[in-house]
Amino acid sequence: MAHSHHPHHHHHHRTPDGSVRNIGMAFWLNLLFATVELVGGWYTQSLAVMSDALHDFGDAISLGLGYFLQIKSSEGPSENFSYGKRRLSLLSAFISGMVISGGAIYIGYVSLSSLLSDQEREPHGLGMMGLAVFGIAVNGFAAWKLSHGQTQNEKMMSWHLLEDVLGWIAVLVGSLLIWLFGWNWLDPALALGISVFVLINVFKALSSTITLFLQGNPDPNALRDFRTQVEELPEVYETHDVHFWSLDGVRHILSLHAVLHDLKTAEKVKELIRTKAQVLGDCHVTIEIESTAEHCHNDCEHDHEHHKA
């Protein structure tokens, strides 16, 4: 029996540092803009802007938490954490998703209440347009930076900013119509539409995050193809106990047992398996080699014990 532990380092080892910089930049931009937005929302008497300001403060809290956890997740392996603390990135993504969802639900409630209310607000359309242009520029830049990230944390946080960009585009169009035609009802309607859009997309991202957090398979199709390729090798009888999960959506863990016809080919097969595992991304690969005789012996013992039971 042979064991092989072979970490594959492609070009992702710098990702955590880049993630920390991107998230830190997004945090300060978001906090600054949320402050400007809150003052601007009060000045323009816009429910959509005020609601988005509260949303952005929630985003800033999530980004700040993500910044801290991303730094911690970049720490290397230790005696207590053999894989390091990269999974803190997933924890941050989950918390961020819950904060965003809570903010979107609150915005939706306030907007719906305003639509159903007899008291009509009179938002300042021209001021809303100015804030919208500023919001598109600031959030667009931050979303563009985070969109190049690979961790689940960055992907989740990019939604903080991407939905703000799309929301501000809607506010820009809506404020123009409010300014031209006096359609004040568009203000809460826009806020409601933005909150629904955010909830749908964040729930999708949360589902993916929870799957990874529970050590679910990050790419079932890729793993299926990889296993088929390995079992098609003439030296391989079969594979079993195949486990594939992810630390943070970027760095994956793969382990498997490979049953060989001839143990003399073990080193050759291990190298072939490592090469084929590259299709799964950045992987730490652990391979256990077994012979067909040993495998049959184990199966026979299991069957014998099963019949005895």
C-alpha atoms as a PDB file:
ATOM      1  CA  MET A   1       0.000   0.000   0.000  1.00  0.00           C
ATOM      2  CA  ALA A   2       1.299   3.429  -0.924  1.00  0.00           C
ATOM      3  CA  HIS A   3       0.211   6.910  -0.055  1.00  0.00           C
ATOM      4  CA  SER A   4       0.862  10.050  -2.024  1.00  0.00           C
ATOM      5  CA  HIS A   5       0.357  13.593  -0.809  1.00  0.00           C
ATOM      6  CA  HIS A   6       1.077  16.030  -3.575  1.00  0.00           C
ATOM      7  CA  PRO A   7      -0.150  19.603  -3.427  1.00  0.00           C
ATOM      8  CA  HIS A   8      -0.674  21.271  -6.798  1.00  0.00           C
ATOM      9  CA  HIS A   9       0.254  24.931  -6.825  1.00  0.00           C
ATOM     10  CA  HIS A  10      -0.605  26.549 -10.138  1.00  0.00           C
ATOM     11  CA  HIS A  11      -0.836  30.326  -9.939  1.00  0.00           C
ATOM     12  CA  HIS A  12      -3.461  30.808  -7.272  1.00  0.00           C
ATOM     13  CA  HIS A  13      -1.159  31.036  -4.283  1.00  0.00           C
ATOM     14  CA  ARG A  14      -1.206  34.837  -4.453  1.00  0.00           C
ATOM     15  CA  THR A  15      -4.994  34.981  -4.472  1.00  0.00           C
ATOM     16  CA  PRO A  16      -5.504  35.562  -0.720  1.00  0.00           C
ATOM     17  CA  ASP A  17      -3.283  38.691  -0.772  1.00  0.00           C
ATOM     18  CA  GLY A  18      -5.147  40.034  -3.777  1.00  0.00           C
ATOM     19  CA  SER A  19      -8.449  39.204  -2.097  1.00  0.00           C
ATOM     20  CA  VAL A  20      -7.497  41.169   1.018  1.00  0.00           C
ATOM     21  CA  ARG A  21      -6.554  44.224  -1.055  1.00  0.00           C
ATOM     22  CA  ASN A  22      -9.717  44.054  -3.169  1.00  0.00           C
ATOM     23  CA  ILE A  23     -12.047  43.626  -0.200  1.00  0.00           C
ATOM     24  CA  GLY A  24     -10.281  46.355   1.794  1.00  0.00           C
ATOM     25  CA  MET A  25     -10.597  48.788  -1.106  1.00  0.00           C
ATOM     26  CA  ALA A  26     -14.276  47.897  -1.563  1.00  0.00           C
ATOM     27  CA  PHE A  27     -14.919  48.404   2.176  1.00  0.00           C
ATOM     28  CA  TRP A  28     -13.549  51.953   2.307  1.00  0.00           C
ATOM     29  CA  LEU A  29     -15.244  52.953  -0.943  1.00  0.00           C
ATOM     30  CA  ASN A  30     -18.558  51.539   0.262  1.00  0.00           C
ATOM     31  CA  LEU A  31     -18.353  53.205   3.681  1.00  0.00           C
ATOM     32  CA  LEU A  32     -17.497  56.583   2.172  1.00  0.00           C
ATOM     33  CA  PHE A  33     -20.218  56.370  -0.432  1.00  0.00           C
ATOM     34  CA  ALA A  34     -22.861  55.177   2.081  1.00  0.00           C
ATOM     35  CA  THR A  35     -22.182  58.312   4.151  1.00  0.00           C
ATOM     36  CA  VAL A  36     -22.506  60.582   1.099  1.00  0.00           C
ATOM     37  CA  GLU A  37     -25.612  58.670   0.053  1.00  0.00           C
ATOM     38  CA  LEU A  38     -27.317  59.035   3.431  1.00  0.00           C
ATOM     39  CA  VAL A  39     -26.865  62.820   3.357  1.00  0.00           C
ATOM     40  CA  GLY A  40     -27.935  62.941  -0.292  1.00  0.00           C
ATOM     41  CA  GLY A  41     -31.014  60.799   0.355  1.00  0.00           C
ATOM     42  CA  TRP A  42     -32.116  63.120   3.149  1.00  0.00           C
ATOM     43  CA  TYR A  43     -31.559  66.157   0.910  1.00  0.00           C
ATOM     44  CA  THR A  44     -33.442  64.714  -2.098  1.00  0.00           C
ATOM     45  CA  GLN A  45     -36.222  63.181   0.069  1.00  0.00           C
ATOM     46  CA  SER A  46     -35.828  59.971  -1.948  1.00  0.00           C
ATOM     47  CA  LEU A  47     -36.949  56.698  -0.372  1.00  0.00           C
ATOM     48  CA  ALA A  48     -34.935  54.715  -2.923  1.00  0.00           C
ATOM     49  CA  VAL A  49     -31.745  56.619  -2.067  1.00  0.00           C
ATOM     50  CA  MET A  50     -32.321  56.522   1.711  1.00  0.00           C
ATOM     51  CA  SER A  51     -33.107  52.799   1.600  1.00  0.00           C
ATOM     52  CA  ASP A  52     -30.027  52.145  -0.488  1.00  0.00           C
ATOM     53  CA  ALA A  53     -27.953  54.154   1.996  1.00  0.00           C
ATOM     54  CA  LEU A  54     -29.048  51.836   4.819  1.00  0.00           C
ATOM     55  CA  HIS A  55     -28.332  48.898   2.530  1.00  0.00           C
ATOM     56  CA  ASP A  56     -24.857  50.244   1.790  1.00  0.00           C
ATOM     57  CA  PHE A  57     -24.062  50.651   5.490  1.00  0.00           C
ATOM     58  CA  GLY A  58     -25.000  46.978   5.886  1.00  0.00           C
ATOM     59  CA  ASP A  59     -22.728  46.214   2.929  1.00  0.00           C
ATOM     60  CA  ALA A  60     -19.903  48.154   4.572  1.00  0.00           C
ATOM     61  CA  ILE A  61     -20.282  46.123   7.779  1.00  0.00           C
ATOM     62  CA  SER A  62     -20.199  42.895   5.746  1.00  0.00           C
ATOM     63  CA  LEU A  63     -17.193  44.061   3.750  1.00  0.00           C
ATOM     64  CA  GLY A  64     -15.369  45.051   6.943  1.00  0.00           C
ATOM     65  CA  LEU A  65     -16.058  41.616   8.422  1.00  0.00           C
ATOM     66  CA  GLY A  66     -15.011  40.017   5.147  1.00  0.00           C
ATOM     67  CA  TYR A  67     -11.785  42.016   5.148  1.00  0.00           C
ATOM     68  CA  PHE A  68     -10.899  40.778   8.653  1.00  0.00           C
ATOM     69  CA  LEU A  69     -11.839  37.154   7.951  1.00  0.00           C
ATOM     70  CA  GLN A  70     -10.039  37.175   4.597  1.00  0.00           C
ATOM     71  CA  ILE A  71      -6.831  38.250   6.381  1.00  0.00           C
ATOM     72  CA  LYS A  72      -7.281  35.436   8.914  1.00  0.00           C
ATOM     73  CA  SER A  73      -8.085  32.956   6.148  1.00  0.00           C
ATOM     74  CA  SER A  74      -4.758  33.769   4.480  1.00  0.00           C
ATOM     75  CA  GLU A  75      -2.802  32.355   7.430  1.00  0.00           C
ATOM     76  CA  GLY A  76      -0.899  29.210   6.541  1.00  0.00           C
ATOM     77  CA  PRO A  77      -1.295  25.702   8.013  1.00  0.00           C
ATOM     78  CA  SER A  78      -0.590  25.197  11.697  1.00  0.00           C
ATOM     79  CA  GLU A  79      -0.642  22.394  14.248  1.00  0.00           C
ATOM     80  CA  ASN A  80      -4.273  23.138  15.075  1.00  0.00           C
ATOM     81  CA  PHE A  81      -5.405  23.962  11.519  1.00  0.00           C
ATOM     82  CA  SER A  82      -3.628  21.612   9.114  1.00  0.00           C
ATOM     83  CA  TYR A  83      -5.256  23.221   6.072  1.00  0.00           C
ATOM     84  CA  GLY A  84      -4.955  26.746   7.431  1.00  0.00           C
ATOM     85  CA  LYS A  85      -7.998  28.971   7.960  1.00  0.00           C
ATOM     86  CA  ARG A  86      -9.095  29.489   4.366  1.00  0.00           C
ATOM     87  CA  ARG A  87     -12.619  28.285   5.152  1.00  0.00           C
ATOM     88  CA  LEU A  88     -13.160  31.509   7.118  1.00  0.00           C
ATOM     89  CA  SER A  89     -13.648  33.038   3.678  1.00  0.00           C
ATOM     90  CA  LEU A  90     -16.786  30.895   3.261  1.00  0.00           C
ATOM     91  CA  LEU A  91     -18.003  31.902   6.709  1.00  0.00           C
ATOM     92  CA  SER A  92     -17.627  35.538   5.727  1.00  0.00           C
ATOM     93  CA  ALA A  93     -19.498  34.928   2.461  1.00  0.00           C
ATOM     94  CA  PHE A  94     -22.373  33.317   4.385  1.00  0.00           C
ATOM     95  CA  ILE A  95     -22.618  36.153   6.937  1.00  0.00           C
ATOM     96  CA  SER A  96     -22.430  38.746   4.151  1.00  0.00           C
ATOM     97  CA  GLY A  97     -25.222  36.997   2.275  1.00  0.00           C
ATOM     98  CA  MET A  98     -27.444  36.984   5.359  1.00  0.00           C
ATOM     99  CA  VAL A  99     -26.789  40.704   5.989  1.00  0.00           C
ATOM    100  CA  ILE A 100     -27.590  41.585   2.372  1.00  0.00           C
ATOM    101  CA  SER A 101     -30.767  39.491   2.492  1.00  0.00           C
ATOM    102  CA  GLY A 102     -31.898  41.177   5.705  1.00  0.00           C
ATOM    103  CA  GLY A 103     -31.292  44.623   4.221  1.00  0.00           C
ATOM    104  CA  ALA A 104     -33.148  43.753   1.009  1.00  0.00           C
ATOM    105  CA  ILE A 105     -36.155  42.430   2.955  1.00  0.00           C
ATOM    106  CA  TYR A 106     -36.282  45.627   5.023  1.00  0.00           C
ATOM    107  CA  ILE A 107     -36.024  47.819   1.905  1.00  0.00           C
ATOM    108  CA  GLY A 108     -38.790  45.814   0.247  1.00  0.00           C
ATOM    109  CA  TYR A 109     -41.053  46.238   3.292  1.00  0.00           C
ATOM    110  CA  VAL A 110     -40.520  50.013   3.499  1.00  0.00           C
ATOM    111  CA  SER A 111     -41.015  50.415  -0.261  1.00  0.00           C
ATOM    112  CA  LEU A 112     -44.207  48.369  -0.320  1.00  0.00           C
ATOM    113  CA  SER A 113     -45.566  50.326   2.653  1.00  0.00           C
ATOM    114  CA  SER A 114     -44.861  53.571   0.810  1.00  0.00           C
ATOM    115  CA  LEU A 115     -46.589  52.349  -2.351  1.00  0.00           C
ATOM    116  CA  LEU A 116     -49.693  51.370  -0.378  1.00  0.00           C
ATOM    117  CA  SER A 117     -49.706  54.611   1.625  1.00  0.00           C
ATOM    118  CA  ASP A 118     -51.965  57.521   0.672  1.00  0.00           C
ATOM    119  CA  GLN A 119     -49.239  60.011   1.570  1.00  0.00           C
ATOM    120  CA  GLU A 120     -47.148  60.746  -1.526  1.00  0.00           C
ATOM    121  CA  ARG A 121     -43.486  61.675  -1.210  1.00  0.00           C
ATOM    122  CA  GLU A 122     -41.934  64.283  -3.475  1.00  0.00           C
ATOM    123  CA  PRO A 123     -38.361  63.232  -4.231  1.00  0.00           C
ATOM    124  CA  HIS A 124     -35.933  65.664  -5.879  1.00  0.00           C
ATOM    125  CA  GLY A 125     -35.365  64.129  -9.330  1.00  0.00           C
ATOM    126  CA  LEU A 126     -32.380  66.231 -10.371  1.00  0.00           C
ATOM    127  CA  GLY A 127     -30.512  65.550  -7.101  1.00  0.00           C
ATOM    128  CA  MET A 128     -31.270  61.831  -7.437  1.00  0.00           C
ATOM    129  CA  MET A 129     -29.721  61.863 -10.918  1.00  0.00           C
ATOM    130  CA  GLY A 130     -26.497  63.372  -9.589  1.00  0.00           C
ATOM    131  CA  LEU A 131     -26.257  60.753  -6.837  1.00  0.00           C
ATOM    132  CA  ALA A 132     -27.055  57.995  -9.336  1.00  0.00           C
ATOM    133  CA  VAL A 133     -24.166  58.964 -11.637  1.00  0.00           C
ATOM    134  CA  PHE A 134     -21.801  59.114  -8.655  1.00  0.00           C
ATOM    135  CA  GLY A 135     -23.118  55.744  -7.389  1.00  0.00           C
ATOM    136  CA  ILE A 136     -22.627  54.043 -10.757  1.00  0.00           C
ATOM    137  CA  ALA A 137     -19.010  55.289 -10.931  1.00  0.00           C
ATOM    138  CA  VAL A 138     -17.983  54.351  -7.365  1.00  0.00           C
ATOM    139  CA  ASN A 139     -19.763  50.996  -7.114  1.00  0.00           C
ATOM    140  CA  GLY A 140     -18.934  50.107 -10.712  1.00  0.00           C
ATOM    141  CA  PHE A 141     -15.215  50.479 -10.063  1.00  0.00           C
ATOM    142  CA  ALA A 142     -15.343  48.428  -6.845  1.00  0.00           C
ATOM    143  CA  ALA A 143     -17.505  45.720  -8.471  1.00  0.00           C
ATOM    144  CA  TRP A 144     -15.071  45.515 -11.397  1.00  0.00           C
ATOM    145  CA  LYS A 145     -12.140  44.991  -8.993  1.00  0.00           C
ATOM    146  CA  LEU A 146     -13.909  42.264  -7.016  1.00  0.00           C
ATOM    147  CA  SER A 147     -15.241  40.540 -10.152  1.00  0.00           C
ATOM    148  CA  HIS A 148     -11.669  39.448 -10.910  1.00  0.00           C
ATOM    149  CA  GLY A 149     -11.435  37.651  -7.547  1.00  0.00           C
ATOM    150  CA  GLN A 150     -11.737  33.872  -7.303  1.00  0.00           C
ATOM    151  CA  THR A 151     -12.708  33.205  -3.681  1.00  0.00           C
ATOM    152  CA  GLN A 152     -16.357  32.631  -2.744  1.00  0.00           C
ATOM    153  CA  ASN A 153     -16.025  35.601  -0.391  1.00  0.00           C
ATOM    154  CA  GLU A 154     -15.111  37.946  -3.257  1.00  0.00           C
ATOM    155  CA  LYS A 155     -17.859  36.528  -5.465  1.00  0.00           C
ATOM    156  CA  MET A 156     -20.451  37.116  -2.762  1.00  0.00           C
ATOM    157  CA  MET A 157     -19.178  40.627  -2.075  1.00  0.00           C
ATOM    158  CA  SER A 158     -19.139  41.504  -5.748  1.00  0.00           C
ATOM    159  CA  TRP A 159     -22.905  41.086  -5.529  1.00  0.00           C
ATOM    160  CA  HIS A 160     -22.944  43.785  -2.849  1.00  0.00           C
ATOM    161  CA  LEU A 161     -21.597  46.150  -5.441  1.00  0.00           C
ATOM    162  CA  LEU A 162     -23.003  44.804  -8.693  1.00  0.00           C
ATOM    163  CA  GLU A 163     -26.571  45.056  -7.428  1.00  0.00           C
ATOM    164  CA  ASP A 164     -25.790  48.621  -6.362  1.00  0.00           C
ATOM    165  CA  VAL A 165     -24.581  49.430  -9.893  1.00  0.00           C
ATOM    166  CA  LEU A 166     -27.729  47.988 -11.455  1.00  0.00           C
ATOM    167  CA  GLY A 167     -29.827  49.675  -8.790  1.00  0.00           C
ATOM    168  CA  TRP A 168     -28.250  53.056  -9.496  1.00  0.00           C
ATOM    169  CA  ILE A 169     -28.857  52.633 -13.219  1.00  0.00           C
ATOM    170  CA  ALA A 170     -32.526  52.069 -12.389  1.00  0.00           C
ATOM    171  CA  VAL A 171     -32.494  55.102 -10.063  1.00  0.00           C
ATOM    172  CA  LEU A 172     -30.907  57.194 -12.823  1.00  0.00           C
ATOM    173  CA  VAL A 173     -33.666  56.290 -15.281  1.00  0.00           C
ATOM    174  CA  GLY A 174     -36.366  56.649 -12.625  1.00  0.00           C
ATOM    175  CA  SER A 175     -35.120  60.018 -11.385  1.00  0.00           C
ATOM    176  CA  LEU A 176     -35.110  61.311 -14.963  1.00  0.00           C
ATOM    177  CA  LEU A 177     -38.758  60.283 -15.333  1.00  0.00           C
ATOM    178  CA  ILE A 178     -39.614  61.785 -11.937  1.00  0.00           C
ATOM    179  CA  TRP A 179     -37.934  65.052 -12.937  1.00  0.00           C
ATOM    180  CA  LEU A 180     -39.617  65.172 -16.370  1.00  0.00           C
ATOM    181  CA  PHE A 181     -43.100  63.870 -15.591  1.00  0.00           C
ATOM    182  CA  GLY A 182     -43.468  64.034 -11.803  1.00  0.00           C
ATOM    183  CA  TRP A 183     -44.012  60.273 -11.449  1.00  0.00           C
ATOM    184  CA  ASN A 184     -43.161  60.169  -7.730  1.00  0.00           C
ATOM    185  CA  TRP A 185     -44.516  56.632  -7.314  1.00  0.00           C
ATOM    186  CA  LEU A 186     -41.478  55.412  -9.287  1.00  0.00           C
ATOM    187  CA  ASP A 187     -39.235  56.060  -6.272  1.00  0.00           C
ATOM    188  CA  PRO A 188     -40.654  53.337  -3.950  1.00  0.00           C
ATOM    189  CA  ALA A 189     -41.369  51.102  -6.949  1.00  0.00           C
ATOM    190  CA  LEU A 190     -37.690  51.191  -7.905  1.00  0.00           C
ATOM    191  CA  ALA A 191     -36.636  50.446  -4.321  1.00  0.00           C
ATOM    192  CA  LEU A 192     -38.998  47.432  -4.235  1.00  0.00           C
ATOM    193  CA  GLY A 193     -37.774  46.112  -7.573  1.00  0.00           C
ATOM    194  CA  ILE A 194     -34.125  46.423  -6.535  1.00  0.00           C
ATOM    195  CA  SER A 195     -34.741  44.536  -3.274  1.00  0.00           C
ATOM    196  CA  VAL A 196     -36.467  41.641  -5.087  1.00  0.00           C
ATOM    197  CA  PHE A 197     -33.625  41.434  -7.618  1.00  0.00           C
ATOM    198  CA  VAL A 198     -31.040  41.386  -4.819  1.00  0.00           C
ATOM    199  CA  LEU A 199     -32.850  38.643  -2.878  1.00  0.00           C
ATOM    200  CA  ILE A 200     -33.103  36.318  -5.880  1.00  0.00           C
ATOM    201  CA  ASN A 201     -29.410  36.556  -6.742  1.00  0.00           C
ATOM    202  CA  VAL A 202     -28.089  36.498  -3.178  1.00  0.00           C
ATOM    203  CA  PHE A 203     -30.120  33.370  -2.399  1.00  0.00           C
ATOM    204  CA  LYS A 204     -28.423  31.682  -5.371  1.00  0.00           C
ATOM    205  CA  ALA A 205     -24.995  32.719  -4.095  1.00  0.00           C
ATOM    206  CA  LEU A 206     -25.901  31.608  -0.550  1.00  0.00           C
ATOM    207  CA  SER A 207     -26.929  28.189  -1.846  1.00  0.00           C
ATOM    208  CA  SER A 208     -23.518  27.763  -3.486  1.00  0.00           C
ATOM    209  CA  THR A 209     -21.734  28.978  -0.332  1.00  0.00           C
ATOM    210  CA  ILE A 210     -23.645  26.582   1.931  1.00  0.00           C
ATOM    211  CA  THR A 211     -22.854  23.683  -0.423  1.00  0.00           C
ATOM    212  CA  LEU A 212     -19.129  24.460  -0.207  1.00  0.00           C
ATOM    213  CA  PHE A 213     -19.306  25.031   3.554  1.00  0.00           C
ATOM    214  CA  LEU A 214     -20.845  21.554   3.987  1.00  0.00           C
ATOM    215  CA  GLN A 215     -17.960  20.135   1.932  1.00  0.00           C
ATOM    216  CA  GLY A 216     -20.152  19.528  -1.087  1.00  0.00           C
ATOM    217  CA  ASN A 217     -18.635  18.698  -4.452  1.00  0.00           C
ATOM    218  CA  PRO A 218     -17.576  22.026  -6.034  1.00  0.00           C
ATOM    219  CA  ASP A 219     -17.793  20.641  -9.607  1.00  0.00           C
ATOM    220  CA  PRO A 220     -19.619  17.282 -10.007  1.00  0.00           C
ATOM    221  CA  ASN A 221     -19.236  17.204 -13.804  1.00  0.00           C
ATOM    222  CA  ALA A 222     -15.479  17.822 -13.705  1.00  0.00           C
ATOM    223  CA  LEU A 223     -15.035  15.145 -11.014  1.00  0.00           C
ATOM    224  CA  ARG A 224     -17.092  12.658 -13.051  1.00  0.00           C
ATOM    225  CA  ASP A 225     -14.922  13.266 -16.127  1.00  0.00           C
ATOM    226  CA  PHE A 226     -11.721  13.019 -14.074  1.00  0.00           C
ATOM    227  CA  ARG A 227     -12.762   9.711 -12.511  1.00  0.00           C
ATOM    228  CA  THR A 228     -13.724   8.283 -15.923  1.00  0.00           C
ATOM    229  CA  GLN A 229     -10.323   9.235 -17.347  1.00  0.00           C
ATOM    230  CA  VAL A 230      -8.483   7.640 -14.414  1.00  0.00           C
ATOM    231  CA  GLU A 231     -10.466   4.392 -14.636  1.00  0.00           C
ATOM    232  CA  GLU A 232      -9.773   4.213 -18.386  1.00  0.00           C
ATOM    233  CA  LEU A 233      -6.040   3.898 -17.660  1.00  0.00           C
ATOM    234  CA  PRO A 234      -4.977   0.306 -18.502  1.00  0.00           C
ATOM    235  CA  GLU A 235      -3.053   0.051 -15.203  1.00  0.00           C
ATOM    236  CA  VAL A 236      -6.110   0.922 -13.100  1.00  0.00           C
ATOM    237  CA  TYR A 237      -8.680  -1.691 -12.078  1.00  0.00           C
ATOM    238  CA  GLU A 238     -11.007   0.791 -10.367  1.00  0.00           C
ATOM    239  CA  THR A 239     -11.194   3.797  -8.038  1.00  0.00           C
ATOM    240  CA  HIS A 240     -13.184   4.148  -4.840  1.00  0.00           C
ATOM    241  CA  ASP A 241     -13.473   6.357  -1.741  1.00  0.00           C
ATOM    242  CA  VAL A 242     -13.194   9.412  -3.992  1.00  0.00           C
ATOM    243  CA  HIS A 243     -13.704  12.655  -2.053  1.00  0.00           C
ATOM    244  CA  PHE A 244     -13.641  16.132  -3.575  1.00  0.00           C
ATOM    245  CA  TRP A 245     -14.402  19.300  -1.609  1.00  0.00           C
ATOM    246  CA  SER A 246     -13.238  22.907  -1.405  1.00  0.00           C
ATOM    247  CA  LEU A 247     -11.629  25.051   1.257  1.00  0.00           C
ATOM    248  CA  ASP A 248     -12.882  28.389  -0.082  1.00  0.00           C
ATOM    249  CA  GLY A 249     -14.139  27.907  -3.628  1.00  0.00           C
ATOM    250  CA  VAL A 250     -10.596  28.233  -5.033  1.00  0.00           C
ATOM    251  CA  ARG A 251      -8.369  25.730  -3.231  1.00  0.00           C
ATOM    252  CA  HIS A 252      -9.763  22.174  -3.444  1.00  0.00           C
ATOM    253  CA  ILE A 253      -9.037  18.887  -1.663  1.00  0.00           C
ATOM    254  CA  LEU A 254      -9.087  15.569  -3.569  1.00  0.00           C
ATOM    255  CA  SER A 255      -8.476  12.099  -2.128  1.00  0.00           C
ATOM    256  CA  LEU A 256      -9.020   8.686  -3.694  1.00  0.00           C
ATOM    257  CA  HIS A 257      -8.089   5.010  -3.590  1.00  0.00           C
ATOM    258  CA  ALA A 258      -6.762   3.577  -6.869  1.00  0.00           C
ATOM    259  CA  VAL A 259      -6.760  -0.203  -7.306  1.00  0.00           C
ATOM    260  CA  LEU A 260      -3.993  -1.347  -9.677  1.00  0.00           C
ATOM    261  CA  HIS A 261      -3.401  -4.597 -11.557  1.00  0.00           C
ATOM    262  CA  ASP A 262       0.327  -4.338 -10.819  1.00  0.00           C
ATOM    263  CA  LEU A 263       1.831  -2.341  -7.937  1.00  0.00           C
ATOM    264  CA  LYS A 264       5.027  -1.853  -9.978  1.00  0.00           C
ATOM    265  CA  THR A 265       3.163   0.783 -11.974  1.00  0.00           C
ATOM    266  CA  ALA A 266       2.210   2.740  -8.810  1.00  0.00           C
ATOM    267  CA  GLU A 267       4.543   5.715  -9.327  1.00  0.00           C
ATOM    268  CA  LYS A 268       3.602   6.041 -12.989  1.00  0.00           C
ATOM    269  CA  VAL A 269      -0.127   5.925 -12.166  1.00  0.00           C
ATOM    270  CA  LYS A 270       0.218   8.498  -9.382  1.00  0.00           C
ATOM    271  CA  GLU A 271       1.857  10.957 -11.763  1.00  0.00           C
ATOM    272  CA  LEU A 272      -0.856  10.344 -14.361  1.00  0.00           C
ATOM    273  CA  ILE A 273      -3.568  10.917 -11.759  1.00  0.00           C
ATOM    274  CA  ARG A 274      -1.933  14.144 -10.590  1.00  0.00           C
ATOM    275  CA  THR A 275      -1.753  15.369 -14.181  1.00  0.00           C
ATOM    276  CA  LYS A 276      -5.399  14.557 -14.849  1.00  0.00           C
ATOM    277  CA  ALA A 277      -6.420  16.210 -11.549  1.00  0.00           C
ATOM    278  CA  GLN A 278      -5.360  19.581 -12.966  1.00  0.00           C
ATOM    279  CA  VAL A 279      -8.753  19.790 -14.706  1.00  0.00           C
ATOM    280  CA  LEU A 280     -10.257  20.154 -11.215  1.00  0.00           C
ATOM    281  CA  GLY A 281      -8.360  23.378 -10.553  1.00  0.00           C
ATOM    282  CA  ASP A 282      -6.006  24.142  -7.670  1.00  0.00           C
ATOM    283  CA  CYS A 283      -6.020  20.823  -5.803  1.00  0.00           C
ATOM    284  CA  HIS A 284      -4.264  19.165  -2.886  1.00  0.00           C
ATOM    285  CA  VAL A 285      -4.252  15.515  -4.017  1.00  0.00           C
ATOM    286  CA  THR A 286      -3.960  12.465  -1.752  1.00  0.00           C
ATOM    287  CA  ILE A 287      -3.730   9.074  -3.491  1.00  0.00           C
ATOM    288  CA  GLU A 288      -3.829   5.669  -1.828  1.00  0.00           C
ATOM    289  CA  ILE A 289      -2.688   2.754  -3.979  1.00  0.00           C
ATOM    290  CA  GLU A 290      -4.086  -0.771  -3.585  1.00  0.00           C
ATOM    291  CA  SER A 291      -3.529  -4.020  -5.462  1.00  0.00           C
ATOM    292  CA  THR A 292      -6.373  -6.039  -6.952  1.00  0.00           C
ATOM    293  CA  ALA A 293      -5.459  -8.914  -4.626  1.00  0.00           C
ATOM    294  CA  GLU A 294      -5.654  -6.703  -1.559  1.00  0.00           C
ATOM    295  CA  HIS A 295      -8.859  -5.113  -2.793  1.00  0.00           C
ATOM    296  CA  CYS A 296     -10.475  -8.520  -3.379  1.00  0.00           C
ATOM    297  CA  HIS A 297      -9.323  -9.693   0.050  1.00  0.00           C
ATOM    298  CA  ASN A 298     -10.904  -6.686   1.727  1.00  0.00           C
ATOM    299  CA  ASP A 299     -14.136  -7.149  -0.219  1.00  0.00           C
ATOM    300  CA  CYS A 300     -14.275 -10.837   0.617  1.00  0.00           C
ATOM    301  CA  GLU A 301     -13.759 -10.117   4.314  1.00  0.00           C
ATOM    302  CA  HIS A 302     -16.531  -7.527   4.206  1.00  0.00           C
ATOM    303  CA  ASP A 303     -18.892  -9.970   2.474  1.00  0.00           C
ATOM    304  CA  HIS A 304     -18.045 -12.717   4.980  1.00  0.00           C
ATOM    305  CA  GLU A 305     -18.775 -10.423   7.933  1.00  0.00           C
ATOM    306  CA  HIS A 306     -21.998  -9.302   6.257  1.00  0.00           C
ATOM    307  CA  HIS A 307     -23.181 -12.900   5.861  1.00  0.00           C
ATOM    308  CA  LYS A 308     -22.252 -13.700   9.447  1.00  0.00           C
ATOM    309  CA  ALA A 309     -24.330 -10.750  10.634  1.00  0.00           C
END
